């Protein structure tokens, strides 16, 4: 299970795309459907350049997601699955990756 750790009114001050907690939950739900249906339904998560500071993504299945340039400073990603995800240029400073699957993740 995951929790965004963000309220809909969190102030964000950066060039990244701002998402509300509701928007992030919707993206994660569509991505889960996309994974479960092998891409026939739902939508691949595109979190490129998104502001996700402090997000709690405990156990989130983000396989094959695009997180290029995302700002995940202090995010909690324990038990998350980021296998084959695009993490190029993402800021994970202070993030918790305990037991996170990063197999074949692109972190160049």
PDB file of N, CA and C in Angstrom:
ATOM      1  N   UNK A   1       0.844  -1.185   0.000  1.00  0.00           N
ATOM      2  CA  UNK A   1       0.000   0.000   0.000  1.00  0.00           C
ATOM      3  C   UNK A   1       0.882   1.238   0.000  1.00  0.00           C
ATOM      4  N   UNK A   2       0.390   2.296  -0.541  1.00  0.00           N
ATOM      5  CA  UNK A   2       1.156   3.526  -0.569  1.00  0.00           C
ATOM      6  C   UNK A   2       0.299   4.702  -0.139  1.00  0.00           C
ATOM      7  N   UNK A   3       0.982   5.713   0.273  1.00  0.00           N
ATOM      8  CA  UNK A   3       0.364   6.968   0.685  1.00  0.00           C
ATOM      9  C   UNK A   3       1.247   8.056   0.110  1.00  0.00           C
ATOM     10  N   UNK A   4       0.663   9.042  -0.484  1.00  0.00           N
ATOM     11  CA  UNK A   4       1.481  10.078  -1.114  1.00  0.00           C
ATOM     12  C   UNK A   4       2.227  10.918  -0.105  1.00  0.00           C
ATOM     13  N   UNK A   5       1.758  10.985   1.126  1.00  0.00           N
ATOM     14  CA  UNK A   5       2.426  11.798   2.127  1.00  0.00           C
ATOM     15  C   UNK A   5       2.279  13.288   1.874  1.00  0.00           C
ATOM     16  N   UNK A   6       1.470  13.649   0.911  1.00  0.00           N
ATOM     17  CA  UNK A   6       1.300  15.051   0.557  1.00  0.00           C
ATOM     18  C   UNK A   6      -0.166  15.424   0.712  1.00  0.00           C
ATOM     19  N   UNK A   7      -0.424  16.642   1.086  1.00  0.00           N
ATOM     20  CA  UNK A   7      -1.803  17.126   1.089  1.00  0.00           C
ATOM     21  C   UNK A   7      -2.045  17.856  -0.219  1.00  0.00           C
ATOM     22  N   UNK A   8      -3.290  18.058  -0.546  1.00  0.00           N
ATOM     23  CA  UNK A   8      -3.610  18.754  -1.785  1.00  0.00           C
ATOM     24  C   UNK A   8      -3.172  20.211  -1.765  1.00  0.00           C
ATOM     25  N   UNK A   9      -2.817  20.732  -0.609  1.00  0.00           N
ATOM     26  CA  UNK A   9      -2.465  22.143  -0.515  1.00  0.00           C
ATOM     27  C   UNK A   9      -0.995  22.379  -0.207  1.00  0.00           C
ATOM     28  N   UNK A  10      -0.157  21.350  -0.319  1.00  0.00           N
ATOM     29  CA  UNK A  10       1.267  21.536  -0.060  1.00  0.00           C
ATOM     30  C   UNK A  10       1.845  22.595  -0.996  1.00  0.00           C
ATOM     31  N   UNK A  11       2.539  23.588  -0.457  1.00  0.00           N
ATOM     32  CA  UNK A  11       3.197  24.558  -1.335  1.00  0.00           C
ATOM     33  C   UNK A  11       4.432  23.923  -1.959  1.00  0.00           C
ATOM     34  N   UNK A  12       4.645  24.219  -3.216  1.00  0.00           N
ATOM     35  CA  UNK A  12       5.814  23.682  -3.904  1.00  0.00           C
ATOM     36  C   UNK A  12       6.488  24.849  -4.614  1.00  0.00           C
ATOM     37  N   UNK A  13       7.784  24.919  -4.467  1.00  0.00           N
ATOM     38  CA  UNK A  13       8.504  26.023  -5.095  1.00  0.00           C
ATOM     39  C   UNK A  13       9.674  25.467  -5.879  1.00  0.00           C
ATOM     40  N   UNK A  14       9.415  25.051  -7.098  1.00  0.00           N
ATOM     41  CA  UNK A  14      10.472  24.565  -7.970  1.00  0.00           C
ATOM     42  C   UNK A  14       9.964  24.566  -9.401  1.00  0.00           C
ATOM     43  N   UNK A  15      10.848  24.215 -10.324  1.00  0.00           N
ATOM     44  CA  UNK A  15      10.465  24.183 -11.729  1.00  0.00           C
ATOM     45  C   UNK A  15       9.736  22.895 -12.085  1.00  0.00           C
ATOM     46  N   UNK A  16       9.706  21.931 -11.179  1.00  0.00           N
ATOM     47  CA  UNK A  16       9.056  20.665 -11.444  1.00  0.00           C
ATOM     48  C   UNK A  16       7.543  20.840 -11.538  1.00  0.00           C
ATOM     49  N   UNK A  17       6.893  19.865 -12.176  1.00  0.00           N
ATOM     50  CA  UNK A  17       5.435  19.862 -12.263  1.00  0.00           C
ATOM     51  C   UNK A  17       4.861  19.586 -10.883  1.00  0.00           C
ATOM     52  N   UNK A  18       3.904  20.359 -10.489  1.00  0.00           N
ATOM     53  CA  UNK A  18       3.256  20.177  -9.198  1.00  0.00           C
ATOM     54  C   UNK A  18       2.060  19.245  -9.349  1.00  0.00           C
ATOM     55  N   UNK A  19       1.987  18.252  -8.488  1.00  0.00           N
ATOM     56  CA  UNK A  19       0.864  17.320  -8.478  1.00  0.00           C
ATOM     57  C   UNK A  19       0.177  17.384  -7.129  1.00  0.00           C
ATOM     58  N   UNK A  20      -1.123  17.296  -7.131  1.00  0.00           N
ATOM     59  CA  UNK A  20      -1.836  17.152  -5.867  1.00  0.00           C
ATOM     60  C   UNK A  20      -1.759  15.677  -5.466  1.00  0.00           C
ATOM     61  N   UNK A  21      -2.070  15.388  -4.230  1.00  0.00           N
ATOM     62  CA  UNK A  21      -2.093  14.003  -3.762  1.00  0.00           C
ATOM     63  C   UNK A  21      -3.094  13.191  -4.573  1.00  0.00           C
ATOM     64  N   UNK A  22      -4.211  13.796  -4.910  1.00  0.00           N
ATOM     65  CA  UNK A  22      -5.241  13.108  -5.693  1.00  0.00           C
ATOM     66  C   UNK A  22      -4.729  12.766  -7.086  1.00  0.00           C
ATOM     67  N   UNK A  23      -4.040  13.706  -7.719  1.00  0.00           N
ATOM     68  CA  UNK A  23      -3.483  13.453  -9.050  1.00  0.00           C
ATOM     69  C   UNK A  23      -2.470  12.316  -9.009  1.00  0.00           C
ATOM     70  N   UNK A  24      -1.605  12.316  -7.994  1.00  0.00           N
ATOM     71  CA  UNK A  24      -0.607  11.260  -7.874  1.00  0.00           C
ATOM     72  C   UNK A  24      -1.276   9.908  -7.660  1.00  0.00           C
ATOM     73  N   UNK A  25      -2.270   9.850  -6.818  1.00  0.00           N
ATOM     74  CA  UNK A  25      -2.991   8.589  -6.589  1.00  0.00           C
ATOM     75  C   UNK A  25      -3.615   8.080  -7.876  1.00  0.00           C
ATOM     76  N   UNK A  26      -4.163   8.979  -8.676  1.00  0.00           N
ATOM     77  CA  UNK A  26      -4.765   8.595  -9.953  1.00  0.00           C
ATOM     78  C   UNK A  26      -3.713   8.035 -10.900  1.00  0.00           C
ATOM     79  N   UNK A  27      -2.569   8.694 -10.984  1.00  0.00           N
ATOM     80  CA  UNK A  27      -1.478   8.218 -11.842  1.00  0.00           C
ATOM     81  C   UNK A  27      -1.026   6.833 -11.400  1.00  0.00           C
ATOM     82  N   UNK A  28      -0.868   6.635 -10.094  1.00  0.00           N
ATOM     83  CA  UNK A  28      -0.427   5.338  -9.579  1.00  0.00           C
ATOM     84  C   UNK A  28      -1.465   4.253  -9.838  1.00  0.00           C
ATOM     85  N   UNK A  29      -2.739   4.577  -9.714  1.00  0.00           N
ATOM     86  CA  UNK A  29      -3.800   3.606  -9.980  1.00  0.00           C
ATOM     87  C   UNK A  29      -3.807   3.207 -11.456  1.00  0.00           C
ATOM     88  N   UNK A  30      -3.707   4.193 -12.351  1.00  0.00           N
ATOM     89  CA  UNK A  30      -3.681   3.904 -13.789  1.00  0.00           C
ATOM     90  C   UNK A  30      -2.456   3.079 -14.157  1.00  0.00           C
ATOM     91  N   UNK A  31      -1.320   3.374 -13.505  1.00  0.00           N
ATOM     92  CA  UNK A  31      -0.095   2.618 -13.778  1.00  0.00           C
ATOM     93  C   UNK A  31      -0.250   1.169 -13.324  1.00  0.00           C
ATOM     94  N   UNK A  32      -0.851   0.962 -12.170  1.00  0.00           N
ATOM     95  CA  UNK A  32      -1.092  -0.397 -11.672  1.00  0.00           C
ATOM     96  C   UNK A  32      -1.950  -1.174 -12.669  1.00  0.00           C
ATOM     97  N   UNK A  33      -2.990  -0.544 -13.179  1.00  0.00           N
ATOM     98  CA  UNK A  33      -3.850  -1.180 -14.178  1.00  0.00           C
ATOM     99  C   UNK A  33      -3.055  -1.488 -15.435  1.00  0.00           C
ATOM    100  N   UNK A  34      -2.221  -0.553 -15.860  1.00  0.00           N
ATOM    101  CA  UNK A  34      -1.385  -0.732 -17.048  1.00  0.00           C
ATOM    102  C   UNK A  34      -0.468  -1.939 -16.889  1.00  0.00           C
ATOM    103  N   UNK A  35       0.136  -2.083 -15.706  1.00  0.00           N
ATOM    104  CA  UNK A  35       1.011  -3.227 -15.445  1.00  0.00           C
ATOM    105  C   UNK A  35       0.224  -4.536 -15.441  1.00  0.00           C
ATOM    106  N   UNK A  36      -0.919  -4.536 -14.772  1.00  0.00           N
ATOM    107  CA  UNK A  36      -1.721  -5.754 -14.637  1.00  0.00           C
ATOM    108  C   UNK A  36      -2.299  -6.232 -15.961  1.00  0.00           C
ATOM    109  N   UNK A  37      -2.503  -5.326 -16.913  1.00  0.00           N
ATOM    110  CA  UNK A  37      -3.093  -5.688 -18.203  1.00  0.00           C
ATOM    111  C   UNK A  37      -2.062  -5.704 -19.327  1.00  0.00           C
ATOM    112  N   UNK A  38      -0.789  -5.686 -18.963  1.00  0.00           N
ATOM    113  CA  UNK A  38       0.288  -5.666 -19.955  1.00  0.00           C
ATOM    114  C   UNK A  38       0.125  -4.534 -20.965  1.00  0.00           C
ATOM    115  N   UNK A  39      -0.312  -3.383 -20.477  1.00  0.00           N
ATOM    116  CA  UNK A  39      -0.412  -2.202 -21.316  1.00  0.00           C
ATOM    117  C   UNK A  39      -1.699  -2.058 -22.101  1.00  0.00           C
ATOM    118  N   UNK A  40      -2.644  -2.977 -21.941  1.00  0.00           N
ATOM    119  CA  UNK A  40      -3.901  -2.895 -22.691  1.00  0.00           C
ATOM    120  C   UNK A  40      -4.861  -1.865 -22.105  1.00  0.00           C
ATOM    121  N   UNK A  41      -4.827  -1.689 -20.808  1.00  0.00           N
ATOM    122  CA  UNK A  41      -5.674  -0.704 -20.133  1.00  0.00           C
ATOM    123  C   UNK A  41      -4.799   0.140 -19.217  1.00  0.00           C
ATOM    124  N   UNK A  42      -5.374   1.179 -18.670  1.00  0.00           N
ATOM    125  CA  UNK A  42      -4.612   2.048 -17.781  1.00  0.00           C
ATOM    126  C   UNK A  42      -3.632   2.895 -18.558  1.00  0.00           C
ATOM    127  N   UNK A  43      -2.621   3.356 -17.865  1.00  0.00           N
ATOM    128  CA  UNK A  43      -1.646   4.250 -18.488  1.00  0.00           C
ATOM    129  C   UNK A  43      -0.316   4.157 -17.752  1.00  0.00           C
ATOM    130  N   UNK A  44       0.770   4.075 -18.515  1.00  0.00           N
ATOM    131  CA  UNK A  44       2.102   4.052 -17.920  1.00  0.00           C
ATOM    132  C   UNK A  44       2.336   5.356 -17.159  1.00  0.00           C
ATOM    133  N   UNK A  45       2.876   5.238 -15.950  1.00  0.00           N
ATOM    134  CA  UNK A  45       3.126   6.424 -15.124  1.00  0.00           C
ATOM    135  C   UNK A  45       4.201   7.296 -15.754  1.00  0.00           C
ATOM    136  N   UNK A  46       3.858   8.547 -15.996  1.00  0.00           N
ATOM    137  CA  UNK A  46       4.817   9.529 -16.478  1.00  0.00           C
ATOM    138  C   UNK A  46       4.920  10.616 -15.412  1.00  0.00           C
ATOM    139  N   UNK A  47       5.922  10.479 -14.564  1.00  0.00           N
ATOM    140  CA  UNK A  47       6.155  11.436 -13.484  1.00  0.00           C
ATOM    141  C   UNK A  47       7.383  12.286 -13.778  1.00  0.00           C
ATOM    142  N   UNK A  48       7.674  12.437 -15.066  1.00  0.00           N
ATOM    143  CA  UNK A  48       8.830  13.224 -15.484  1.00  0.00           C
ATOM    144  C   UNK A  48       8.717  14.642 -14.935  1.00  0.00           C
ATOM    145  N   UNK A  49       9.797  15.079 -14.287  1.00  0.00           N
ATOM    146  CA  UNK A  49       9.910  16.431 -13.733  1.00  0.00           C
ATOM    147  C   UNK A  49       8.840  16.759 -12.688  1.00  0.00           C
ATOM    148  N   UNK A  50       8.273  15.754 -12.048  1.00  0.00           N
ATOM    149  CA  UNK A  50       7.240  16.004 -11.036  1.00  0.00           C
ATOM    150  C   UNK A  50       7.846  16.272  -9.668  1.00  0.00           C
ATOM    151  N   UNK A  51       7.185  17.119  -8.927  1.00  0.00           N
ATOM    152  CA  UNK A  51       7.569  17.482  -7.560  1.00  0.00           C
ATOM    153  C   UNK A  51       6.918  16.475  -6.610  1.00  0.00           C
ATOM    154  N   UNK A  52       7.733  15.583  -6.025  1.00  0.00           N
ATOM    155  CA  UNK A  52       7.232  14.542  -5.128  1.00  0.00           C
ATOM    156  C   UNK A  52       7.999  14.554  -3.814  1.00  0.00           C
ATOM    157  N   UNK A  53       8.390  15.721  -3.388  1.00  0.00           N
ATOM    158  CA  UNK A  53       9.177  15.854  -2.158  1.00  0.00           C
ATOM    159  C   UNK A  53       8.425  15.240  -0.982  1.00  0.00           C
ATOM    160  N   UNK A  54       9.113  14.327  -0.284  1.00  0.00           N
ATOM    161  CA  UNK A  54       8.553  13.716   0.909  1.00  0.00           C
ATOM    162  C   UNK A  54       7.424  12.735   0.668  1.00  0.00           C
ATOM    163  N   UNK A  55       7.173  12.372  -0.576  1.00  0.00           N
ATOM    164  CA  UNK A  55       6.090  11.429  -0.867  1.00  0.00           C
ATOM    165  C   UNK A  55       6.350  10.091  -0.185  1.00  0.00           C
ATOM    166  N   UNK A  56       5.301   9.496   0.325  1.00  0.00           N
ATOM    167  CA  UNK A  56       5.392   8.172   0.937  1.00  0.00           C
ATOM    168  C   UNK A  56       4.835   7.185  -0.077  1.00  0.00           C
ATOM    169  N   UNK A  57       5.739   6.450  -0.717  1.00  0.00           N
ATOM    170  CA  UNK A  57       5.377   5.495  -1.756  1.00  0.00           C
ATOM    171  C   UNK A  57       5.723   4.082  -1.300  1.00  0.00           C
ATOM    172  N   UNK A  58       5.344   3.765  -0.100  1.00  0.00           N
ATOM    173  CA  UNK A  58       5.619   2.476   0.522  1.00  0.00           C
ATOM    174  C   UNK A  58       5.019   1.356  -0.318  1.00  0.00           C
ATOM    175  N   UNK A  59       5.879   0.488  -0.847  1.00  0.00           N
ATOM    176  CA  UNK A  59       5.430  -0.659  -1.621  1.00  0.00           C
ATOM    177  C   UNK A  59       4.856  -0.330  -2.986  1.00  0.00           C
ATOM    178  N   UNK A  60       5.038   0.884  -3.464  1.00  0.00           N
ATOM    179  CA  UNK A  60       4.486   1.274  -4.766  1.00  0.00           C
ATOM    180  C   UNK A  60       5.135   0.471  -5.885  1.00  0.00           C
ATOM    181  N   UNK A  61       4.327   0.013  -6.826  1.00  0.00           N
ATOM    182  CA  UNK A  61       4.830  -0.721  -7.983  1.00  0.00           C
ATOM    183  C   UNK A  61       4.978   0.260  -9.137  1.00  0.00           C
ATOM    184  N   UNK A  62       6.194   0.740  -9.314  1.00  0.00           N
ATOM    185  CA  UNK A  62       6.493   1.710 -10.363  1.00  0.00           C
ATOM    186  C   UNK A  62       7.412   1.114 -11.423  1.00  0.00           C
ATOM    187  N   UNK A  63       7.264  -0.189 -11.663  1.00  0.00           N
ATOM    188  CA  UNK A  63       8.039  -0.814 -12.734  1.00  0.00           C
ATOM    189  C   UNK A  63       7.746  -0.096 -14.047  1.00  0.00           C
ATOM    190  N   UNK A  64       8.798   0.140 -14.806  1.00  0.00           N
ATOM    191  CA  UNK A  64       8.696   0.750 -16.138  1.00  0.00           C
ATOM    192  C   UNK A  64       8.137   2.172 -16.133  1.00  0.00           C
ATOM    193  N   UNK A  65       8.121   2.824 -14.998  1.00  0.00           N
ATOM    194  CA  UNK A  65       7.610   4.201 -14.917  1.00  0.00           C
ATOM    195  C   UNK A  65       8.680   5.199 -15.353  1.00  0.00           C
ATOM    196  N   UNK A  66       8.232   6.359 -15.778  1.00  0.00           N
ATOM    197  CA  UNK A  66       9.146   7.435 -16.145  1.00  0.00           C
ATOM    198  C   UNK A  66       9.195   8.443 -15.003  1.00  0.00           C
ATOM    199  N   UNK A  67      10.326   8.470 -14.300  1.00  0.00           N
ATOM    200  CA  UNK A  67      10.546   9.417 -13.207  1.00  0.00           C
ATOM    201  C   UNK A  67      11.729  10.332 -13.532  1.00  0.00           C
ATOM    202  N   UNK A  68      12.018  10.483 -14.811  1.00  0.00           N
ATOM    203  CA  UNK A  68      13.154  11.308 -15.224  1.00  0.00           C
ATOM    204  C   UNK A  68      13.002  12.727 -14.680  1.00  0.00           C
ATOM    205  N   UNK A  69      14.036  13.190 -13.992  1.00  0.00           N
ATOM    206  CA  UNK A  69      14.055  14.546 -13.469  1.00  0.00           C
ATOM    207  C   UNK A  69      13.098  14.805 -12.315  1.00  0.00           C
ATOM    208  N   UNK A  70      12.477  13.767 -11.785  1.00  0.00           N
ATOM    209  CA  UNK A  70      11.528  13.948 -10.673  1.00  0.00           C
ATOM    210  C   UNK A  70      12.266  14.390  -9.410  1.00  0.00           C
ATOM    211  N   UNK A  71      11.589  15.151  -8.575  1.00  0.00           N
ATOM    212  CA  UNK A  71      12.155  15.650  -7.323  1.00  0.00           C
ATOM    213  C   UNK A  71      11.546  14.848  -6.181  1.00  0.00           C
ATOM    214  N   UNK A  72      12.299  13.845  -5.709  1.00  0.00           N
ATOM    215  CA  UNK A  72      11.835  12.940  -4.665  1.00  0.00           C
ATOM    216  C   UNK A  72      12.655  13.101  -3.399  1.00  0.00           C
ATOM    217  N   UNK A  73      13.043  14.320  -3.107  1.00  0.00           N
ATOM    218  CA  UNK A  73      13.833  14.617  -1.918  1.00  0.00           C
ATOM    219  C   UNK A  73      13.090  14.112  -0.682  1.00  0.00           C
ATOM    220  N   UNK A  74      13.753  13.247   0.086  1.00  0.00           N
ATOM    221  CA  UNK A  74      13.169  12.740   1.321  1.00  0.00           C
ATOM    222  C   UNK A  74      11.999  11.795   1.137  1.00  0.00           C
ATOM    223  N   UNK A  75      11.806  11.285  -0.063  1.00  0.00           N
ATOM    224  CA  UNK A  75      10.685  10.365  -0.306  1.00  0.00           C
ATOM    225  C   UNK A  75      10.914   9.035   0.406  1.00  0.00           C
ATOM    226  N   UNK A  76       9.836   8.374   0.746  1.00  0.00           N
ATOM    227  CA  UNK A  76       9.880   7.084   1.444  1.00  0.00           C
ATOM    228  C   UNK A  76       9.447   6.014   0.456  1.00  0.00           C
ATOM    229  N   UNK A  77      10.426   5.263  -0.051  1.00  0.00           N
ATOM    230  CA  UNK A  77      10.191   4.279  -1.101  1.00  0.00           C
ATOM    231  C   UNK A  77      10.431   2.850  -0.624  1.00  0.00           C
ATOM    232  N   UNK A  78      10.315   2.611   0.663  1.00  0.00           N
ATOM    233  CA  UNK A  78      10.565   1.278   1.214  1.00  0.00           C
ATOM    234  C   UNK A  78       9.672   0.251   0.514  1.00  0.00           C
ATOM    235  N   UNK A  79      10.297  -0.854   0.096  1.00  0.00           N
ATOM    236  CA  UNK A  79       9.619  -1.963  -0.588  1.00  0.00           C
ATOM    237  C   UNK A  79       9.014  -1.580  -1.938  1.00  0.00           C
ATOM    238  N   UNK A  80       9.359  -0.422  -2.473  1.00  0.00           N
ATOM    239  CA  UNK A  80       8.841  -0.028  -3.787  1.00  0.00           C
ATOM    240  C   UNK A  80       9.545  -0.834  -4.873  1.00  0.00           C
ATOM    241  N   UNK A  81       8.901  -0.954  -6.012  1.00  0.00           N
ATOM    242  CA  UNK A  81       9.476  -1.659  -7.143  1.00  0.00           C
ATOM    243  C   UNK A  81       9.693  -0.654  -8.271  1.00  0.00           C
ATOM    244  N   UNK A  82      10.959  -0.322  -8.513  1.00  0.00           N
ATOM    245  CA  UNK A  82      11.329   0.618  -9.569  1.00  0.00           C
ATOM    246  C   UNK A  82      12.073  -0.087 -10.703  1.00  0.00           C
ATOM    247  N   UNK A  83      11.863  -1.386 -10.814  1.00  0.00           N
ATOM    248  CA  UNK A  83      12.536  -2.166 -11.852  1.00  0.00           C
ATOM    249  C   UNK A  83      12.233  -1.579 -13.231  1.00  0.00           C
ATOM    250  N   UNK A  84      13.284  -1.443 -14.033  1.00  0.00           N
ATOM    251  CA  UNK A  84      13.204  -0.935 -15.409  1.00  0.00           C
ATOM    252  C   UNK A  84      12.660   0.489 -15.521  1.00  0.00           C
ATOM    253  N   UNK A  85      12.659   1.236 -14.439  1.00  0.00           N
ATOM    254  CA  UNK A  85      12.159   2.613 -14.478  1.00  0.00           C
ATOM    255  C   UNK A  85      13.231   3.579 -14.969  1.00  0.00           C
ATOM    256  N   UNK A  86      12.774   4.681 -15.524  1.00  0.00           N
ATOM    257  CA  UNK A  86      13.668   5.744 -15.962  1.00  0.00           C
ATOM    258  C   UNK A  86      13.817   6.724 -14.801  1.00  0.00           C
ATOM    259  N   UNK A  87      14.983   6.718 -14.179  1.00  0.00           N
ATOM    260  CA  UNK A  87      15.261   7.587 -13.034  1.00  0.00           C
ATOM    261  C   UNK A  87      16.330   8.626 -13.360  1.00  0.00           C
ATOM    262  N   UNK A  88      16.623   8.815 -14.645  1.00  0.00           N
ATOM    263  CA  UNK A  88      17.671   9.749 -15.051  1.00  0.00           C
ATOM    264  C   UNK A  88      17.401  11.148 -14.525  1.00  0.00           C
ATOM    265  N   UNK A  89      18.400  11.697 -13.858  1.00  0.00           N
ATOM    266  CA  UNK A  89      18.322  13.066 -13.380  1.00  0.00           C
ATOM    267  C   UNK A  89      17.376  13.294 -12.212  1.00  0.00           C
ATOM    268  N   UNK A  90      16.815  12.230 -11.656  1.00  0.00           N
ATOM    269  CA  UNK A  90      15.902  12.383 -10.514  1.00  0.00           C
ATOM    270  C   UNK A  90      16.697  12.728  -9.253  1.00  0.00           C
ATOM    271  N   UNK A  91      16.105  13.515  -8.377  1.00  0.00           N
ATOM    272  CA  UNK A  91      16.737  13.895  -7.116  1.00  0.00           C
ATOM    273  C   UNK A  91      16.148  13.035  -6.007  1.00  0.00           C
ATOM    274  N   UNK A  92      16.969  12.123  -5.490  1.00  0.00           N
ATOM    275  CA  UNK A  92      16.547  11.222  -4.424  1.00  0.00           C
ATOM    276  C   UNK A  92      17.280  11.525  -3.125  1.00  0.00           C
ATOM    277  N   UNK A  93      17.781  12.724  -2.968  1.00  0.00           N
ATOM    278  CA  UNK A  93      18.530  13.072  -1.762  1.00  0.00           C
ATOM    279  C   UNK A  93      17.665  12.818  -0.524  1.00  0.00           C
ATOM    280  N   UNK A  94      18.226  12.068   0.403  1.00  0.00           N
ATOM    281  CA  UNK A  94      17.530  11.775   1.650  1.00  0.00           C
ATOM    282  C   UNK A  94      16.391  10.782   1.525  1.00  0.00           C
ATOM    283  N   UNK A  95      16.222  10.183   0.354  1.00  0.00           N
ATOM    284  CA  UNK A  95      15.135   9.215   0.157  1.00  0.00           C
ATOM    285  C   UNK A  95      15.474   7.885   0.822  1.00  0.00           C
ATOM    286  N   UNK A  96      14.458   7.177   1.266  1.00  0.00           N
ATOM    287  CA  UNK A  96      14.614   5.862   1.875  1.00  0.00           C
ATOM    288  C   UNK A  96      14.330   4.799   0.820  1.00  0.00           C
ATOM    289  N   UNK A  97      15.379   4.057   0.452  1.00  0.00           N
ATOM    290  CA  UNK A  97      15.274   2.995  -0.548  1.00  0.00           C
ATOM    291  C   UNK A  97      15.368   1.608   0.078  1.00  0.00           C
ATOM    292  N   UNK A  98      15.101   1.485   1.352  1.00  0.00           N
ATOM    293  CA  UNK A  98      15.247   0.191   2.014  1.00  0.00           C
ATOM    294  C   UNK A  98      14.356  -0.842   1.327  1.00  0.00           C
ATOM    295  N   UNK A  99      14.976  -1.924   0.906  1.00  0.00           N
ATOM    296  CA  UNK A  99      14.323  -3.049   0.228  1.00  0.00           C
ATOM    297  C   UNK A  99      13.613  -2.643  -1.062  1.00  0.00           C
ATOM    298  N   UNK A 100      14.069  -1.562  -1.683  1.00  0.00           N
ATOM    299  CA  UNK A 100      13.505  -1.129  -2.958  1.00  0.00           C
ATOM    300  C   UNK A 100      14.182  -1.881  -4.093  1.00  0.00           C
ATOM    301  N   UNK A 101      13.395  -2.344  -5.053  1.00  0.00           N
ATOM    302  CA  UNK A 101      13.922  -3.043  -6.216  1.00  0.00           C
ATOM    303  C   UNK A 101      14.301  -2.007  -7.272  1.00  0.00           C
ATOM    304  N   UNK A 102      15.603  -1.907  -7.542  1.00  0.00           N
ATOM    305  CA  UNK A 102      16.114  -0.979  -8.549  1.00  0.00           C
ATOM    306  C   UNK A 102      16.724  -1.727  -9.734  1.00  0.00           C
ATOM    307  N   UNK A 103      16.366  -2.993  -9.894  1.00  0.00           N
ATOM    308  CA  UNK A 103      16.927  -3.815 -10.965  1.00  0.00           C
ATOM    309  C   UNK A 103      16.667  -3.152 -12.323  1.00  0.00           C
ATOM    310  N   UNK A 104      17.740  -2.992 -13.068  1.00  0.00           N
ATOM    311  CA  UNK A 104      17.706  -2.412 -14.415  1.00  0.00           C
ATOM    312  C   UNK A 104      17.124  -1.002 -14.474  1.00  0.00           C
ATOM    313  N   UNK A 105      17.045  -0.311 -13.355  1.00  0.00           N
ATOM    314  CA  UNK A 105      16.586   1.086 -13.379  1.00  0.00           C
ATOM    315  C   UNK A 105      17.678   1.945 -14.015  1.00  0.00           C
ATOM    316  N   UNK A 106      17.276   2.880 -14.846  1.00  0.00           N
ATOM    317  CA  UNK A 106      18.221   3.765 -15.529  1.00  0.00           C
ATOM    318  C   UNK A 106      18.442   4.996 -14.662  1.00  0.00           C
ATOM    319  N   UNK A 107      19.640   5.067 -14.049  1.00  0.00           N
ATOM    320  CA  UNK A 107      19.959   6.182 -13.154  1.00  0.00           C
ATOM    321  C   UNK A 107      21.111   7.019 -13.680  1.00  0.00           C
ATOM    322  N   UNK A 108      21.326   7.033 -14.973  1.00  0.00           N
ATOM    323  CA  UNK A 108      22.441   7.781 -15.556  1.00  0.00           C
ATOM    324  C   UNK A 108      22.274   9.252 -15.358  1.00  0.00           C
TER     325      UNK A 108
END
